Each structure stands twice: as C-alpha cells, then as structure tokens.
Amino acid sequence: MKIKTNGFKSSAPKTLLPKCPTGIQGLDEITGGGLPRGRPRWFCGGAGCGKTFAGGGIPRARAVQFGEPGVLMAFEETEKELKANVASLGFDLEGLVRRKQIRH
C-alpha cells in the first residue's frame, strides 16, 4: 500500500496497522482500508458530525456484509431515538437486533 505524505517527511518509523474494512463506501478508501483491526471505536463530536452514521453504519455494514455481530452504545440518545435516527439513514437496526446481529 502506498501512503501519501503530501511532502511531509517524518523521522518516525512507518508501521501499518492491520485494517478492518468498515463496509462503508468511501470511508474505507480514505482510511487506507478501514479502521485498525481489533480495537474499539469511540465516536465523539458535535451535532451533525457523523457520529450516528458511523456508530450505526459500521456495525450494520459489518453484520450485513461480513456476518459479524456488533455492539452499538449511545449515551445521549434513548433506544427509541437511536432507532429512529438510524432508520432515517436507511439502517434497519430493529431487524438486526431481532436477528441477533447487533446488540443494544
């Protein structure tokens, strides 16, 4: 894999972490193959920055595309609000919960 440096030269050793594809088109490309494999993810930020999309989209994509179970935790939304929010993005969270592909 070729890493773009934009002309920046670093003395730090270049190590590539094993990646886990997110299953979200575009995100895997800009992250060089996905997120670091075997590490928990924490999404934080202001309203509208993509927390619900990433937090709902990645476990959904991993469950649907790769058959992997996932865990989705939210601290500021109720279960009902979270299900409505991810449904507005086209994600059937309730169906994934029923099929035991995602826990909440």
PDB file of N, CA and C in Angstrom:
ATOM      1  N   MET A   1       0.847  -1.168   0.000  1.00  0.00           N
ATOM      2  CA  MET A   1       0.000   0.000   0.000  1.00  0.00           C
ATOM      3  C   MET A   1       0.895   1.234   0.000  1.00  0.00           C
ATOM      4  N   LYS A   2       0.595   2.177  -0.840  1.00  0.00           N
ATOM      5  CA  LYS A   2       1.344   3.419  -0.899  1.00  0.00           C
ATOM      6  C   LYS A   2       0.663   4.462  -0.018  1.00  0.00           C
ATOM      7  N   ILE A   3       1.450   5.129   0.817  1.00  0.00           N
ATOM      8  CA  ILE A   3       0.910   6.149   1.717  1.00  0.00           C
ATOM      9  C   ILE A   3       1.283   7.522   1.190  1.00  0.00           C
ATOM     10  N   LYS A   4       0.296   8.395   1.013  1.00  0.00           N
ATOM     11  CA  LYS A   4       0.553   9.764   0.573  1.00  0.00           C
ATOM     12  C   LYS A   4       1.091  10.571   1.747  1.00  0.00           C
ATOM     13  N   THR A   5       2.140  11.322   1.507  1.00  0.00           N
ATOM     14  CA  THR A   5       2.728  12.114   2.589  1.00  0.00           C
ATOM     15  C   THR A   5       2.554  13.606   2.381  1.00  0.00           C
ATOM     16  N   ASN A   6       2.098  14.030   1.204  1.00  0.00           N
ATOM     17  CA  ASN A   6       1.927  15.453   0.892  1.00  0.00           C
ATOM     18  C   ASN A   6       3.205  16.245   1.143  1.00  0.00           C
ATOM     19  N   GLY A   7       4.351  15.610   0.888  1.00  0.00           N
ATOM     20  CA  GLY A   7       5.629  16.302   1.032  1.00  0.00           C
ATOM     21  C   GLY A   7       6.174  16.327   2.442  1.00  0.00           C
ATOM     22  N   PHE A   8       5.417  15.866   3.423  1.00  0.00           N
ATOM     23  CA  PHE A   8       5.867  15.872   4.818  1.00  0.00           C
ATOM     24  C   PHE A   8       6.786  14.693   5.045  1.00  0.00           C
ATOM     25  N   LYS A   9       7.937  14.944   5.635  1.00  0.00           N
ATOM     26  CA  LYS A   9       8.880  13.872   5.943  1.00  0.00           C
ATOM     27  C   LYS A   9       8.962  13.728   7.446  1.00  0.00           C
ATOM     28  N   SER A  10       8.764  12.524   7.906  1.00  0.00           N
ATOM     29  CA  SER A  10       8.785  12.242   9.331  1.00  0.00           C
ATOM     30  C   SER A  10       9.928  11.298   9.646  1.00  0.00           C
ATOM     31  N   SER A  11      10.517  11.477  10.827  1.00  0.00           N
ATOM     32  CA  SER A  11      11.569  10.561  11.254  1.00  0.00           C
ATOM     33  C   SER A  11      10.972   9.352  11.976  1.00  0.00           C
ATOM     34  N   ALA A  12       9.668   9.395  12.233  1.00  0.00           N
ATOM     35  CA  ALA A  12       9.015   8.279  12.915  1.00  0.00           C
ATOM     36  C   ALA A  12       8.966   7.070  11.995  1.00  0.00           C
ATOM     37  N   PRO A  13       9.146   5.867  12.545  1.00  0.00           N
ATOM     38  CA  PRO A  13       9.063   4.668  11.699  1.00  0.00           C
ATOM     39  C   PRO A  13       7.658   4.502  11.155  1.00  0.00           C
ATOM     40  N   LYS A  14       7.559   4.052   9.915  1.00  0.00           N
ATOM     41  CA  LYS A  14       6.261   3.838   9.288  1.00  0.00           C
ATOM     42  C   LYS A  14       5.830   2.404   9.561  1.00  0.00           C
ATOM     43  N   THR A  15       4.775   2.248  10.331  1.00  0.00           N
ATOM     44  CA  THR A  15       4.216   0.932  10.590  1.00  0.00           C
ATOM     45  C   THR A  15       2.769   0.951  10.148  1.00  0.00           C
ATOM     46  N   LEU A  16       2.368  -0.099   9.489  1.00  0.00           N
ATOM     47  CA  LEU A  16       0.990  -0.205   9.034  1.00  0.00           C
ATOM     48  C   LEU A  16       0.232  -1.115   9.984  1.00  0.00           C
ATOM     49  N   LEU A  17      -0.875  -0.647  10.470  1.00  0.00           N
ATOM     50  CA  LEU A  17      -1.733  -1.449  11.331  1.00  0.00           C
ATOM     51  C   LEU A  17      -2.633  -2.314  10.467  1.00  0.00           C
ATOM     52  N   PRO A  18      -2.891  -3.553  10.900  1.00  0.00           N
ATOM     53  CA  PRO A  18      -3.881  -4.356  10.170  1.00  0.00           C
ATOM     54  C   PRO A  18      -5.224  -3.629  10.206  1.00  0.00           C
ATOM     55  N   LYS A  19      -5.907  -3.592   9.077  1.00  0.00           N
ATOM     56  CA  LYS A  19      -7.156  -2.842   8.974  1.00  0.00           C
ATOM     57  C   LYS A  19      -8.352  -3.772   8.886  1.00  0.00           C
ATOM     58  N   CYS A  20      -9.476  -3.262   9.332  1.00  0.00           N
ATOM     59  CA  CYS A  20     -10.764  -3.945   9.262  1.00  0.00           C
ATOM     60  C   CYS A  20     -11.682  -3.064   8.423  1.00  0.00           C
ATOM     61  N   PRO A  21     -12.107  -3.531   7.243  1.00  0.00           N
ATOM     62  CA  PRO A  21     -12.990  -2.702   6.423  1.00  0.00           C
ATOM     63  C   PRO A  21     -14.269  -2.346   7.177  1.00  0.00           C
ATOM     64  N   THR A  22     -14.710  -1.106   7.024  1.00  0.00           N
ATOM     65  CA  THR A  22     -15.944  -0.674   7.673  1.00  0.00           C
ATOM     66  C   THR A  22     -17.170  -1.119   6.893  1.00  0.00           C
ATOM     67  N   GLY A  23     -16.995  -1.361   5.593  1.00  0.00           N
ATOM     68  CA  GLY A  23     -18.122  -1.704   4.747  1.00  0.00           C
ATOM     69  C   GLY A  23     -18.856  -0.483   4.237  1.00  0.00           C
ATOM     70  N   ILE A  24     -18.361   0.706   4.575  1.00  0.00           N
ATOM     71  CA  ILE A  24     -18.990   1.953   4.131  1.00  0.00           C
ATOM     72  C   ILE A  24     -18.163   2.515   2.979  1.00  0.00           C
ATOM     73  N   GLN A  25     -18.827   2.621   1.825  1.00  0.00           N
ATOM     74  CA  GLN A  25     -18.162   3.112   0.629  1.00  0.00           C
ATOM     75  C   GLN A  25     -17.570   4.495   0.874  1.00  0.00           C
ATOM     76  N   GLY A  26     -16.340   4.692   0.524  1.00  0.00           N
ATOM     77  CA  GLY A  26     -15.661   5.967   0.701  1.00  0.00           C
ATOM     78  C   GLY A  26     -14.859   6.009   1.986  1.00  0.00           C
ATOM     79  N   LEU A  27     -15.433   5.532   3.085  1.00  0.00           N
ATOM     80  CA  LEU A  27     -14.715   5.561   4.358  1.00  0.00           C
ATOM     81  C   LEU A  27     -13.503   4.630   4.328  1.00  0.00           C
ATOM     82  N   ASP A  28     -13.676   3.450   3.751  1.00  0.00           N
ATOM     83  CA  ASP A  28     -12.546   2.526   3.668  1.00  0.00           C
ATOM     84  C   ASP A  28     -11.430   3.091   2.792  1.00  0.00           C
ATOM     85  N   GLU A  29     -11.811   3.823   1.762  1.00  0.00           N
ATOM     86  CA  GLU A  29     -10.789   4.406   0.888  1.00  0.00           C
ATOM     87  C   GLU A  29      -9.992   5.498   1.601  1.00  0.00           C
ATOM     88  N   ILE A  30     -10.663   6.381   2.321  1.00  0.00           N
ATOM     89  CA  ILE A  30      -9.935   7.487   2.946  1.00  0.00           C
ATOM     90  C   ILE A  30      -9.176   7.059   4.195  1.00  0.00           C
ATOM     91  N   THR A  31      -9.515   5.881   4.740  1.00  0.00           N
ATOM     92  CA  THR A  31      -8.797   5.394   5.924  1.00  0.00           C
ATOM     93  C   THR A  31      -7.749   4.348   5.556  1.00  0.00           C
ATOM     94  N   GLY A  32      -7.507   4.168   4.261  1.00  0.00           N
ATOM     95  CA  GLY A  32      -6.483   3.219   3.837  1.00  0.00           C
ATOM     96  C   GLY A  32      -6.848   1.776   4.091  1.00  0.00           C
ATOM     97  N   GLY A  33      -8.128   1.440   3.950  1.00  0.00           N
ATOM     98  CA  GLY A  33      -8.552   0.055   4.091  1.00  0.00           C
ATOM     99  C   GLY A  33      -9.480  -0.212   5.254  1.00  0.00           C
ATOM    100  N   GLY A  34      -9.802   0.794   6.015  1.00  0.00           N
ATOM    101  CA  GLY A  34     -10.705   0.620   7.143  1.00  0.00           C
ATOM    102  C   GLY A  34     -10.085   1.124   8.434  1.00  0.00           C
ATOM    103  N   LEU A  35     -10.675   0.726   9.541  1.00  0.00           N
ATOM    104  CA  LEU A  35     -10.193   1.143  10.851  1.00  0.00           C
ATOM    105  C   LEU A  35      -9.257   0.079  11.411  1.00  0.00           C
ATOM    106  N   PRO A  36      -8.388   0.424  12.351  1.00  0.00           N
ATOM    107  CA  PRO A  36      -7.469  -0.571  12.907  1.00  0.00           C
ATOM    108  C   PRO A  36      -8.226  -1.786  13.453  1.00  0.00           C
ATOM    109  N   ARG A  37      -7.790  -2.961  13.042  1.00  0.00           N
ATOM    110  CA  ARG A  37      -8.442  -4.218  13.432  1.00  0.00           C
ATOM    111  C   ARG A  37      -8.241  -4.502  14.920  1.00  0.00           C
ATOM    112  N   GLY A  38      -9.320  -5.007  15.550  1.00  0.00           N
ATOM    113  CA  GLY A  38      -9.239  -5.462  16.927  1.00  0.00           C
ATOM    114  C   GLY A  38      -9.204  -4.371  17.974  1.00  0.00           C
ATOM    115  N   ARG A  39      -9.585  -3.171  17.604  1.00  0.00           N
ATOM    116  CA  ARG A  39      -9.590  -2.054  18.557  1.00  0.00           C
ATOM    117  C   ARG A  39     -10.990  -1.480  18.667  1.00  0.00           C
ATOM    118  N   PRO A  40     -11.386  -1.072  19.854  1.00  0.00           N
ATOM    119  CA  PRO A  40     -12.712  -0.453  19.989  1.00  0.00           C
ATOM    120  C   PRO A  40     -12.735   0.908  19.303  1.00  0.00           C
ATOM    121  N   ARG A  41     -13.914   1.346  18.919  1.00  0.00           N
ATOM    122  CA  ARG A  41     -14.079   2.654  18.273  1.00  0.00           C
ATOM    123  C   ARG A  41     -14.906   3.545  19.180  1.00  0.00           C
ATOM    124  N   TRP A  42     -14.532   4.789  19.244  1.00  0.00           N
ATOM    125  CA  TRP A  42     -15.242   5.786  20.040  1.00  0.00           C
ATOM    126  C   TRP A  42     -15.458   6.976  19.137  1.00  0.00           C
ATOM    127  N   PHE A  43     -16.701   7.328  18.891  1.00  0.00           N
ATOM    128  CA  PHE A  43     -17.018   8.474  18.048  1.00  0.00           C
ATOM    129  C   PHE A  43     -17.572   9.574  18.928  1.00  0.00           C
ATOM    130  N   CYS A  44     -16.981  10.740  18.858  1.00  0.00           N
ATOM    131  CA  CYS A  44     -17.482  11.871  19.628  1.00  0.00           C
ATOM    132  C   CYS A  44     -17.388  13.122  18.769  1.00  0.00           C
ATOM    133  N   GLY A  45     -18.171  14.111  19.128  1.00  0.00           N
ATOM    134  CA  GLY A  45     -18.163  15.365  18.386  1.00  0.00           C
ATOM    135  C   GLY A  45     -19.499  16.059  18.503  1.00  0.00           C
ATOM    136  N   GLY A  46     -19.591  17.185  17.874  1.00  0.00           N
ATOM    137  CA  GLY A  46     -20.803  17.989  17.912  1.00  0.00           C
ATOM    138  C   GLY A  46     -21.909  17.421  17.043  1.00  0.00           C
ATOM    139  N   ALA A  47     -23.062  18.053  17.163  1.00  0.00           N
ATOM    140  CA  ALA A  47     -24.220  17.642  16.372  1.00  0.00           C
ATOM    141  C   ALA A  47     -23.910  17.738  14.889  1.00  0.00           C
ATOM    142  N   GLY A  48     -24.278  16.698  14.151  1.00  0.00           N
ATOM    143  CA  GLY A  48     -24.130  16.711  12.706  1.00  0.00           C
ATOM    144  C   GLY A  48     -22.778  16.285  12.181  1.00  0.00           C
ATOM    145  N   CYS A  49     -21.870  15.831  13.052  1.00  0.00           N
ATOM    146  CA  CYS A  49     -20.526  15.467  12.574  1.00  0.00           C
ATOM    147  C   CYS A  49     -20.435  14.036  12.053  1.00  0.00           C
ATOM    148  N   GLY A  50     -21.483  13.237  12.215  1.00  0.00           N
ATOM    149  CA  GLY A  50     -21.481  11.880  11.663  1.00  0.00           C
ATOM    150  C   GLY A  50     -21.394  10.761  12.682  1.00  0.00           C
ATOM    151  N   LYS A  51     -21.580  11.060  13.963  1.00  0.00           N
ATOM    152  CA  LYS A  51     -21.485  10.023  14.995  1.00  0.00           C
ATOM    153  C   LYS A  51     -22.527   8.922  14.776  1.00  0.00           C
ATOM    154  N   THR A  52     -23.776   9.304  14.538  1.00  0.00           N
ATOM    155  CA  THR A  52     -24.833   8.316  14.357  1.00  0.00           C
ATOM    156  C   THR A  52     -24.603   7.522  13.087  1.00  0.00           C
ATOM    157  N   PHE A  53     -24.163   8.183  12.032  1.00  0.00           N
ATOM    158  CA  PHE A  53     -23.882   7.479  10.783  1.00  0.00           C
ATOM    159  C   PHE A  53     -22.782   6.447  10.986  1.00  0.00           C
ATOM    160  N   ALA A  54     -21.684   6.844  11.600  1.00  0.00           N
ATOM    161  CA  ALA A  54     -20.572   5.919  11.825  1.00  0.00           C
ATOM    162  C   ALA A  54     -20.942   4.857  12.854  1.00  0.00           C
ATOM    163  N   GLY A  55     -21.544   5.300  13.971  1.00  0.00           N
ATOM    164  CA  GLY A  55     -21.885   4.371  15.041  1.00  0.00           C
ATOM    165  C   GLY A  55     -22.943   3.362  14.650  1.00  0.00           C
ATOM    166  N   GLY A  56     -23.859   3.756  13.784  1.00  0.00           N
ATOM    167  CA  GLY A  56     -24.887   2.833  13.307  1.00  0.00           C
ATOM    168  C   GLY A  56     -24.488   2.138  12.024  1.00  0.00           C
ATOM    169  N   GLY A  57     -23.772   2.852  11.191  1.00  0.00           N
ATOM    170  CA  GLY A  57     -23.424   2.321   9.870  1.00  0.00           C
ATOM    171  C   GLY A  57     -22.368   1.241   9.874  1.00  0.00           C
ATOM    172  N   ILE A  58     -21.347   1.406  10.693  1.00  0.00           N
ATOM    173  CA  ILE A  58     -20.271   0.416  10.695  1.00  0.00           C
ATOM    174  C   ILE A  58     -20.744  -0.929  11.241  1.00  0.00           C
ATOM    175  N   PRO A  59     -21.395  -0.987  12.429  1.00  0.00           N
ATOM    176  CA  PRO A  59     -21.869  -2.298  12.879  1.00  0.00           C
ATOM    177  C   PRO A  59     -22.886  -2.921  11.921  1.00  0.00           C
ATOM    178  N   ARG A  60     -23.740  -2.085  11.326  1.00  0.00           N
ATOM    179  CA  ARG A  60     -24.715  -2.588  10.371  1.00  0.00           C
ATOM    180  C   ARG A  60     -24.014  -3.194   9.161  1.00  0.00           C
ATOM    181  N   ALA A  61     -23.064  -2.476   8.591  1.00  0.00           N
ATOM    182  CA  ALA A  61     -22.350  -2.968   7.415  1.00  0.00           C
ATOM    183  C   ALA A  61     -21.556  -4.228   7.734  1.00  0.00           C
ATOM    184  N   ARG A  62     -20.900  -4.257   8.879  1.00  0.00           N
ATOM    185  CA  ARG A  62     -20.122  -5.441   9.269  1.00  0.00           C
ATOM    186  C   ARG A  62     -21.046  -6.644   9.456  1.00  0.00           C
ATOM    187  N   ALA A  63     -22.247  -6.421  10.014  1.00  0.00           N
ATOM    188  CA  ALA A  63     -23.206  -7.518  10.216  1.00  0.00           C
ATOM    189  C   ALA A  63     -23.748  -8.022   8.882  1.00  0.00           C
ATOM    190  N   VAL A  64     -24.158  -7.098   8.024  1.00  0.00           N
ATOM    191  CA  VAL A  64     -24.792  -7.456   6.755  1.00  0.00           C
ATOM    192  C   VAL A  64     -23.771  -8.003   5.756  1.00  0.00           C
ATOM    193  N   GLN A  65     -22.644  -7.325   5.591  1.00  0.00           N
ATOM    194  CA  GLN A  65     -21.681  -7.699   4.560  1.00  0.00           C
ATOM    195  C   GLN A  65     -20.720  -8.808   4.978  1.00  0.00           C
ATOM    196  N   PHE A  66     -20.401  -8.883   6.262  1.00  0.00           N
ATOM    197  CA  PHE A  66     -19.377  -9.813   6.706  1.00  0.00           C
ATOM    198  C   PHE A  66     -19.870 -10.827   7.731  1.00  0.00           C
ATOM    199  N   GLY A  67     -21.163 -10.755   8.113  1.00  0.00           N
ATOM    200  CA  GLY A  67     -21.728 -11.702   9.056  1.00  0.00           C
ATOM    201  C   GLY A  67     -21.180 -11.596  10.465  1.00  0.00           C
ATOM    202  N   GLU A  68     -20.664 -10.433  10.828  1.00  0.00           N
ATOM    203  CA  GLU A  68     -20.099 -10.236  12.161  1.00  0.00           C
ATOM    204  C   GLU A  68     -21.097  -9.572  13.088  1.00  0.00           C
ATOM    205  N   PRO A  69     -21.177 -10.023  14.335  1.00  0.00           N
ATOM    206  CA  PRO A  69     -22.031  -9.327  15.294  1.00  0.00           C
ATOM    207  C   PRO A  69     -21.373  -8.018  15.722  1.00  0.00           C
ATOM    208  N   GLY A  70     -22.150  -7.103  16.245  1.00  0.00           N
ATOM    209  CA  GLY A  70     -21.609  -5.816  16.678  1.00  0.00           C
ATOM    210  C   GLY A  70     -22.315  -5.307  17.913  1.00  0.00           C
ATOM    211  N   VAL A  71     -21.730  -4.304  18.507  1.00  0.00           N
ATOM    212  CA  VAL A  71     -22.307  -3.649  19.677  1.00  0.00           C
ATOM    213  C   VAL A  71     -22.379  -2.162  19.376  1.00  0.00           C
ATOM    214  N   LEU A  72     -23.514  -1.557  19.665  1.00  0.00           N
ATOM    215  CA  LEU A  72     -23.701  -0.127  19.471  1.00  0.00           C
ATOM    216  C   LEU A  72     -24.156   0.462  20.793  1.00  0.00           C
ATOM    217  N   MET A  73     -23.394   1.396  21.320  1.00  0.00           N
ATOM    218  CA  MET A  73     -23.753   2.063  22.572  1.00  0.00           C
ATOM    219  C   MET A  73     -23.877   3.553  22.315  1.00  0.00           C
ATOM    220  N   ALA A  74     -24.916   4.141  22.854  1.00  0.00           N
ATOM    221  CA  ALA A  74     -25.117   5.582  22.748  1.00  0.00           C
ATOM    222  C   ALA A  74     -25.407   6.118  24.141  1.00  0.00           C
ATOM    223  N   PHE A  75     -24.870   7.282  24.437  1.00  0.00           N
ATOM    224  CA  PHE A  75     -25.010   7.837  25.776  1.00  0.00           C
ATOM    225  C   PHE A  75     -25.956   9.029  25.848  1.00  0.00           C
ATOM    226  N   GLU A  76     -26.270   9.633  24.710  1.00  0.00           N
ATOM    227  CA  GLU A  76     -27.109  10.820  24.721  1.00  0.00           C
ATOM    228  C   GLU A  76     -28.486  10.588  24.115  1.00  0.00           C
ATOM    229  N   GLU A  77     -28.722   9.407  23.549  1.00  0.00           N
ATOM    230  CA  GLU A  77     -29.999   9.128  22.911  1.00  0.00           C
ATOM    231  C   GLU A  77     -30.641   7.926  23.586  1.00  0.00           C
ATOM    232  N   THR A  78     -31.963   7.948  23.651  1.00  0.00           N
ATOM    233  CA  THR A  78     -32.674   6.766  24.135  1.00  0.00           C
ATOM    234  C   THR A  78     -32.659   5.719  23.024  1.00  0.00           C
ATOM    235  N   GLU A  79     -33.019   4.507  23.374  1.00  0.00           N
ATOM    236  CA  GLU A  79     -33.079   3.444  22.371  1.00  0.00           C
ATOM    237  C   GLU A  79     -34.044   3.815  21.246  1.00  0.00           C
ATOM    238  N   LYS A  80     -35.195   4.362  21.611  1.00  0.00           N
ATOM    239  CA  LYS A  80     -36.196   4.759  20.619  1.00  0.00           C
ATOM    240  C   LYS A  80     -35.643   5.836  19.686  1.00  0.00           C
ATOM    241  N   GLU A  81     -34.973   6.842  20.255  1.00  0.00           N
ATOM    242  CA  GLU A  81     -34.392   7.918  19.434  1.00  0.00           C
ATOM    243  C   GLU A  81     -33.301   7.374  18.509  1.00  0.00           C
ATOM    244  N   LEU A  82     -32.474   6.497  19.034  1.00  0.00           N
ATOM    245  CA  LEU A  82     -31.397   5.928  18.229  1.00  0.00           C
ATOM    246  C   LEU A  82     -31.951   5.127  17.056  1.00  0.00           C
ATOM    247  N   LYS A  83     -32.952   4.297  17.318  1.00  0.00           N
ATOM    248  CA  LYS A  83     -33.559   3.512  16.244  1.00  0.00           C
ATOM    249  C   LYS A  83     -34.164   4.420  15.180  1.00  0.00           C
ATOM    250  N   ALA A  84     -34.831   5.502  15.603  1.00  0.00           N
ATOM    251  CA  ALA A  84     -35.414   6.444  14.641  1.00  0.00           C
ATOM    252  C   ALA A  84     -34.322   7.149  13.848  1.00  0.00           C
ATOM    253  N   ASN A  85     -33.251   7.547  14.517  1.00  0.00           N
ATOM    254  CA  ASN A  85     -32.161   8.241  13.826  1.00  0.00           C
ATOM    255  C   ASN A  85     -31.485   7.353  12.785  1.00  0.00           C
ATOM    256  N   VAL A  86     -31.169   6.114  13.140  1.00  0.00           N
ATOM    257  CA  VAL A  86     -30.506   5.251  12.162  1.00  0.00           C
ATOM    258  C   VAL A  86     -31.474   4.802  11.078  1.00  0.00           C
ATOM    259  N   ALA A  87     -32.779   4.703  11.397  1.00  0.00           N
ATOM    260  CA  ALA A  87     -33.766   4.381  10.363  1.00  0.00           C
ATOM    261  C   ALA A  87     -33.812   5.491   9.318  1.00  0.00           C
ATOM    262  N   SER A  88     -33.614   6.750   9.750  1.00  0.00           N
ATOM    263  CA  SER A  88     -33.617   7.868   8.793  1.00  0.00           C
ATOM    264  C   SER A  88     -32.429   7.788   7.844  1.00  0.00           C
ATOM    265  N   LEU A  89     -31.405   7.014   8.211  1.00  0.00           N
ATOM    266  CA  LEU A  89     -30.238   6.797   7.351  1.00  0.00           C
ATOM    267  C   LEU A  89     -30.391   5.540   6.500  1.00  0.00           C
ATOM    268  N   GLY A  90     -31.544   4.849   6.662  1.00  0.00           N
ATOM    269  CA  GLY A  90     -31.799   3.639   5.893  1.00  0.00           C
ATOM    270  C   GLY A  90     -31.318   2.366   6.567  1.00  0.00           C
ATOM    271  N   PHE A  91     -30.995   2.418   7.854  1.00  0.00           N
ATOM    272  CA  PHE A  91     -30.497   1.248   8.573  1.00  0.00           C
ATOM    273  C   PHE A  91     -31.641   0.621   9.370  1.00  0.00           C
ATOM    274  N   ASP A  92     -31.850  -0.673   9.215  1.00  0.00           N
ATOM    275  CA  ASP A  92     -32.894  -1.391   9.953  1.00  0.00           C
ATOM    276  C   ASP A  92     -32.293  -1.968  11.228  1.00  0.00           C
ATOM    277  N   LEU A  93     -32.075  -1.113  12.203  1.00  0.00           N
ATOM    278  CA  LEU A  93     -31.465  -1.534  13.460  1.00  0.00           C
ATOM    279  C   LEU A  93     -32.321  -2.577  14.171  1.00  0.00           C
ATOM    280  N   GLU A  94     -33.634  -2.375  14.188  1.00  0.00           N
ATOM    281  CA  GLU A  94     -34.518  -3.320  14.882  1.00  0.00           C
ATOM    282  C   GLU A  94     -34.427  -4.714  14.268  1.00  0.00           C
ATOM    283  N   GLY A  95     -34.372  -4.784  12.945  1.00  0.00           N
ATOM    284  CA  GLY A  95     -34.239  -6.087  12.278  1.00  0.00           C
ATOM    285  C   GLY A  95     -32.921  -6.768  12.633  1.00  0.00           C
ATOM    286  N   LEU A  96     -31.849  -6.003  12.698  1.00  0.00           N
ATOM    287  CA  LEU A  96     -30.552  -6.569  13.078  1.00  0.00           C
ATOM    288  C   LEU A  96     -30.561  -7.048  14.519  1.00  0.00           C
ATOM    289  N   VAL A  97     -31.242  -6.317  15.389  1.00  0.00           N
ATOM    290  CA  VAL A  97     -31.358  -6.732  16.791  1.00  0.00           C
ATOM    291  C   VAL A  97     -32.149  -8.038  16.867  1.00  0.00           C
ATOM    292  N   ARG A  98     -33.272  -8.119  16.146  1.00  0.00           N
ATOM    293  CA  ARG A  98     -34.087  -9.338  16.154  1.00  0.00           C
ATOM    294  C   ARG A  98     -33.299 -10.556  15.665  1.00  0.00           C
ATOM    295  N   ARG A  99     -32.452 -10.359  14.676  1.00  0.00           N
ATOM    296  CA  ARG A  99     -31.638 -11.462  14.127  1.00  0.00           C
ATOM    297  C   ARG A  99     -30.359 -11.698  14.935  1.00  0.00           C
ATOM    298  N   LYS A 100     -30.221 -10.964  16.030  1.00  0.00           N
ATOM    299  CA  LYS A 100     -29.062 -11.076  16.929  1.00  0.00           C
ATOM    300  C   LYS A 100     -27.740 -10.777  16.223  1.00  0.00           C
ATOM    301  N   GLN A 101     -27.806  -9.862  15.248  1.00  0.00           N
ATOM    302  CA  GLN A 101     -26.598  -9.418  14.569  1.00  0.00           C
ATOM    303  C   GLN A 101     -26.009  -8.183  15.239  1.00  0.00           C
ATOM    304  N   ILE A 102     -26.846  -7.446  15.940  1.00  0.00           N
ATOM    305  CA  ILE A 102     -26.406  -6.271  16.705  1.00  0.00           C
ATOM    306  C   ILE A 102     -27.100  -6.322  18.053  1.00  0.00           C
ATOM    307  N   ARG A 103     -26.353  -5.985  19.086  1.00  0.00           N
ATOM    308  CA  ARG A 103     -26.940  -5.870  20.417  1.00  0.00           C
ATOM    309  C   ARG A 103     -27.020  -4.415  20.781  1.00  0.00           C
ATOM    310  N   HIS A 104     -27.963  -4.090  21.621  1.00  0.00           N
ATOM    311  CA  HIS A 104     -28.098  -2.705  22.068  1.00  0.00           C
ATOM    312  C   HIS A 104     -28.247  -2.638  23.549  1.00  0.00           C
TER     313      HIS A 104
END
